[in-house]
Amino acid sequence: MAAKLSGGGSSKFTTSMNSEINVTPFVDVMLVLLIIFMVAAPLATVTIKVDLPPAVAPISQTPPKPIYISLKADGRVAIGDDYVDIDELGADMVKQVGARDPSKERIYIRGDKKVRYGTFMQVMNQLLDNGFYSVALVGKDVS
């Protein structure tokens, strides 16, 4: 039993190319995968009961407050908000740090742009003589 779609001189029935994608097989495959994952997901859980300890992290120490040394244009030196004598700067810094290791402390130096270089070098020498080796210079953001 055969049918003739076109032929002869009659063009009543014609065939054309189908350029659309047939999504039915794609949807069928996706539904099968969905069913497989729905069945397999409960099998992935562990059924052995274990009494787990609480996940409490130990309390960490808060980092120490940063230490700022300020150099004023008139030559005065301050640790934080307190003015100190430049010759006693090292001893005052050791008191400020306390029992912590001075070589691991980060010291921030803020200096006025009109500070004399000799004053700055005195501060640096006092810090180095007392074991403070990690020094950062604070500048003004120009952006």
C-alpha atoms as a PDB file:
ATOM      1  CA  MET A   1       0.000   0.000   0.000  1.00  0.00           C
ATOM      2  CA  ALA A   2       1.797   3.068  -1.224  1.00  0.00           C
ATOM      3  CA  ALA A   3       0.737   6.628  -1.689  1.00  0.00           C
ATOM      4  CA  LYS A   4       1.924   9.038  -4.246  1.00  0.00           C
ATOM      5  CA  LEU A   5       2.473  12.537  -2.799  1.00  0.00           C
ATOM      6  CA  SER A   6       3.519  14.311  -5.936  1.00  0.00           C
ATOM      7  CA  GLY A   7       3.932  13.344  -9.435  1.00  0.00           C
ATOM      8  CA  GLY A   8       2.809  13.867 -12.911  1.00  0.00           C
ATOM      9  CA  GLY A   9       1.483  17.267 -13.669  1.00  0.00           C
ATOM     10  CA  SER A  10      -0.508  17.716 -10.477  1.00  0.00           C
ATOM     11  CA  SER A  11       1.129  19.690  -7.677  1.00  0.00           C
ATOM     12  CA  LYS A  12      -1.645  19.347  -5.152  1.00  0.00           C
ATOM     13  CA  PHE A  13       0.586  17.594  -2.582  1.00  0.00           C
ATOM     14  CA  THR A  14       4.152  18.863  -2.158  1.00  0.00           C
ATOM     15  CA  THR A  15       6.790  18.128   0.446  1.00  0.00           C
ATOM     16  CA  SER A  16       9.188  20.717   1.890  1.00  0.00           C
ATOM     17  CA  MET A  17      12.249  20.648   4.128  1.00  0.00           C
ATOM     18  CA  ASN A  18      11.582  20.928   7.869  1.00  0.00           C
ATOM     19  CA  SER A  19      14.182  23.306   9.394  1.00  0.00           C
ATOM     20  CA  GLU A  20      12.865  23.300  12.970  1.00  0.00           C
ATOM     21  CA  ILE A  21      14.461  21.242  15.747  1.00  0.00           C
ATOM     22  CA  ASN A  22      12.331  18.468  17.137  1.00  0.00           C
ATOM     23  CA  VAL A  23      12.512  18.951  20.944  1.00  0.00           C
ATOM     24  CA  THR A  24      10.397  15.954  21.889  1.00  0.00           C
ATOM     25  CA  PRO A  25      13.355  13.516  22.143  1.00  0.00           C
ATOM     26  CA  PHE A  26      15.290  16.118  24.152  1.00  0.00           C
ATOM     27  CA  VAL A  27      12.418  16.515  26.640  1.00  0.00           C
ATOM     28  CA  ASP A  28      12.085  12.723  26.909  1.00  0.00           C
ATOM     29  CA  VAL A  29      15.781  12.343  27.754  1.00  0.00           C
ATOM     30  CA  MET A  30      15.612  15.142  30.361  1.00  0.00           C
ATOM     31  CA  LEU A  31      12.601  13.558  32.065  1.00  0.00           C
ATOM     32  CA  VAL A  32      14.366  10.185  32.220  1.00  0.00           C
ATOM     33  CA  LEU A  33      17.467  11.827  33.747  1.00  0.00           C
ATOM     34  CA  LEU A  34      15.285  13.656  36.266  1.00  0.00           C
ATOM     35  CA  ILE A  35      13.675  10.391  37.352  1.00  0.00           C
ATOM     36  CA  ILE A  36      17.085   8.684  37.631  1.00  0.00           C
ATOM     37  CA  PHE A  37      18.470  11.464  39.851  1.00  0.00           C
ATOM     38  CA  MET A  38      15.340  11.515  42.004  1.00  0.00           C
ATOM     39  CA  VAL A  39      15.713   7.800  42.637  1.00  0.00           C
ATOM     40  CA  ALA A  40      19.503   7.908  43.152  1.00  0.00           C
ATOM     41  CA  ALA A  41      19.607  10.949  45.490  1.00  0.00           C
ATOM     42  CA  PRO A  42      18.250   9.216  48.609  1.00  0.00           C
ATOM     43  CA  LEU A  43      20.769   6.397  48.103  1.00  0.00           C
ATOM     44  CA  ALA A  44      23.676   8.841  48.478  1.00  0.00           C
ATOM     45  CA  THR A  45      22.909   9.647  52.127  1.00  0.00           C
ATOM     46  CA  VAL A  46      24.783   7.907  54.931  1.00  0.00           C
ATOM     47  CA  THR A  47      22.661   5.783  57.240  1.00  0.00           C
ATOM     48  CA  ILE A  48      25.292   5.074  59.917  1.00  0.00           C
ATOM     49  CA  LYS A  49      24.650   7.158  63.023  1.00  0.00           C
ATOM     50  CA  VAL A  50      27.710   8.845  64.540  1.00  0.00           C
ATOM     51  CA  ASP A  51      27.768  11.056  67.623  1.00  0.00           C
ATOM     52  CA  LEU A  52      29.742  14.028  66.301  1.00  0.00           C
ATOM     53  CA  PRO A  53      31.465  16.523  68.601  1.00  0.00           C
ATOM     54  CA  PRO A  54      30.332  20.135  68.430  1.00  0.00           C
ATOM     55  CA  ALA A  55      32.097  22.273  65.839  1.00  0.00           C
ATOM     56  CA  VAL A  56      33.092  25.111  68.095  1.00  0.00           C
ATOM     57  CA  ALA A  57      36.235  26.951  67.056  1.00  0.00           C
ATOM     58  CA  PRO A  58      38.520  28.122  69.842  1.00  0.00           C
ATOM     59  CA  ILE A  59      38.281  31.778  70.679  1.00  0.00           C
ATOM     60  CA  SER A  60      40.967  33.615  68.759  1.00  0.00           C
ATOM     61  CA  GLN A  61      42.817  36.550  70.136  1.00  0.00           C
ATOM     62  CA  THR A  62      41.852  39.896  68.782  1.00  0.00           C
ATOM     63  CA  PRO A  63      44.691  41.500  66.899  1.00  0.00           C
ATOM     64  CA  PRO A  64      46.444  44.227  68.850  1.00  0.00           C
ATOM     65  CA  LYS A  65      45.508  47.811  68.163  1.00  0.00           C
ATOM     66  CA  PRO A  66      47.916  49.312  65.621  1.00  0.00           C
ATOM     67  CA  ILE A  67      50.545  51.626  67.068  1.00  0.00           C
ATOM     68  CA  TYR A  68      50.862  55.029  65.399  1.00  0.00           C
ATOM     69  CA  ILE A  69      53.768  57.381  65.912  1.00  0.00           C
ATOM     70  CA  SER A  70      53.031  60.935  64.835  1.00  0.00           C
ATOM     71  CA  LEU A  71      55.761  63.447  63.971  1.00  0.00           C
ATOM     72  CA  LYS A  72      54.658  67.067  64.138  1.00  0.00           C
ATOM     73  CA  ALA A  73      56.230  69.865  62.104  1.00  0.00           C
ATOM     74  CA  ASP A  74      57.556  71.522  65.286  1.00  0.00           C
ATOM     75  CA  GLY A  75      59.529  68.355  66.212  1.00  0.00           C
ATOM     76  CA  ARG A  76      57.167  66.879  68.803  1.00  0.00           C
ATOM     77  CA  VAL A  77      56.601  63.113  68.748  1.00  0.00           C
ATOM     78  CA  ALA A  78      53.455  61.295  69.872  1.00  0.00           C
ATOM     79  CA  ILE A  79      52.630  57.637  70.402  1.00  0.00           C
ATOM     80  CA  GLY A  80      48.934  57.403  69.675  1.00  0.00           C
ATOM     81  CA  ASP A  81      47.490  60.510  71.374  1.00  0.00           C
ATOM     82  CA  ASP A  82      50.219  61.002  73.993  1.00  0.00           C
ATOM     83  CA  TYR A  83      53.270  63.193  73.382  1.00  0.00           C
ATOM     84  CA  VAL A  84      56.599  61.670  74.421  1.00  0.00           C
ATOM     85  CA  ASP A  85      60.217  62.805  74.566  1.00  0.00           C
ATOM     86  CA  ILE A  86      62.080  61.635  71.459  1.00  0.00           C
ATOM     87  CA  ASP A  87      64.962  60.281  73.566  1.00  0.00           C
ATOM     88  CA  GLU A  88      62.564  58.068  75.567  1.00  0.00           C
ATOM     89  CA  LEU A  89      60.581  56.895  72.554  1.00  0.00           C
ATOM     90  CA  GLY A  90      62.095  53.393  72.556  1.00  0.00           C
ATOM     91  CA  ALA A  91      61.362  52.745  76.235  1.00  0.00           C
ATOM     92  CA  ASP A  92      57.820  54.073  75.847  1.00  0.00           C
ATOM     93  CA  MET A  93      57.279  51.813  72.845  1.00  0.00           C
ATOM     94  CA  VAL A  94      58.448  48.776  74.810  1.00  0.00           C
ATOM     95  CA  LYS A  95      55.917  49.670  77.536  1.00  0.00           C
ATOM     96  CA  GLN A  96      53.213  50.104  74.892  1.00  0.00           C
ATOM     97  CA  VAL A  97      53.838  46.652  73.388  1.00  0.00           C
ATOM     98  CA  GLY A  98      54.073  44.903  76.751  1.00  0.00           C
ATOM     99  CA  ALA A  99      54.906  41.192  76.648  1.00  0.00           C
ATOM    100  CA  ARG A 100      54.549  40.875  72.872  1.00  0.00           C
ATOM    101  CA  ASP A 101      57.609  40.453  70.652  1.00  0.00           C
ATOM    102  CA  PRO A 102      58.680  43.917  69.386  1.00  0.00           C
ATOM    103  CA  SER A 103      60.204  42.482  66.212  1.00  0.00           C
ATOM    104  CA  LYS A 104      56.766  41.249  65.109  1.00  0.00           C
ATOM    105  CA  GLU A 105      54.900  44.466  65.847  1.00  0.00           C
ATOM    106  CA  ARG A 106      53.950  46.720  62.937  1.00  0.00           C
ATOM    107  CA  ILE A 107      54.569  50.394  63.725  1.00  0.00           C
ATOM    108  CA  TYR A 108      52.918  53.085  61.597  1.00  0.00           C
ATOM    109  CA  ILE A 109      54.683  56.440  61.333  1.00  0.00           C
ATOM    110  CA  ARG A 110      52.694  59.522  60.365  1.00  0.00           C
ATOM    111  CA  GLY A 111      54.849  62.514  59.654  1.00  0.00           C
ATOM    112  CA  ASP A 112      54.022  66.071  58.750  1.00  0.00           C
ATOM    113  CA  LYS A 113      55.475  67.004  55.365  1.00  0.00           C
ATOM    114  CA  LYS A 114      57.596  69.691  57.027  1.00  0.00           C
ATOM    115  CA  VAL A 115      59.273  67.323  59.524  1.00  0.00           C
ATOM    116  CA  ARG A 116      63.050  67.587  59.493  1.00  0.00           C
ATOM    117  CA  TYR A 117      64.863  64.528  58.207  1.00  0.00           C
ATOM    118  CA  GLY A 118      67.027  64.436  61.339  1.00  0.00           C
ATOM    119  CA  THR A 119      63.939  64.102  63.548  1.00  0.00           C
ATOM    120  CA  PHE A 120      62.661  61.249  61.416  1.00  0.00           C
ATOM    121  CA  MET A 121      66.033  59.485  61.619  1.00  0.00           C
ATOM    122  CA  GLN A 122      66.087  59.872  65.419  1.00  0.00           C
ATOM    123  CA  VAL A 123      62.686  58.157  65.608  1.00  0.00           C
ATOM    124  CA  MET A 124      63.827  55.366  63.277  1.00  0.00           C
ATOM    125  CA  ASN A 125      67.030  54.817  65.274  1.00  0.00           C
ATOM    126  CA  GLN A 126      65.092  54.659  68.558  1.00  0.00           C
ATOM    127  CA  LEU A 127      62.764  52.054  67.069  1.00  0.00           C
ATOM    128  CA  LEU A 128      65.572  49.937  65.609  1.00  0.00           C
ATOM    129  CA  ASP A 129      67.623  50.097  68.820  1.00  0.00           C
ATOM    130  CA  ASN A 130      64.656  48.693  70.765  1.00  0.00           C
ATOM    131  CA  GLY A 131      63.883  45.831  68.366  1.00  0.00           C
ATOM    132  CA  PHE A 132      61.064  47.323  66.277  1.00  0.00           C
ATOM    133  CA  TYR A 133      61.930  46.282  62.720  1.00  0.00           C
ATOM    134  CA  SER A 134      58.556  46.379  60.980  1.00  0.00           C
ATOM    135  CA  VAL A 135      57.843  50.036  60.246  1.00  0.00           C
ATOM    136  CA  ALA A 136      55.317  51.414  57.764  1.00  0.00           C
ATOM    137  CA  LEU A 137      55.036  55.006  56.618  1.00  0.00           C
ATOM    138  CA  VAL A 138      51.533  56.442  56.342  1.00  0.00           C
ATOM    139  CA  GLY A 139      50.833  58.809  53.466  1.00  0.00           C
ATOM    140  CA  LYS A 140      47.886  60.862  52.332  1.00  0.00           C
ATOM    141  CA  ASP A 141      45.694  59.432  49.585  1.00  0.00           C
ATOM    142  CA  VAL A 142      45.753  61.887  46.684  1.00  0.00           C
ATOM    143  CA  SER A 143      42.927  60.400  44.648  1.00  0.00           C
END
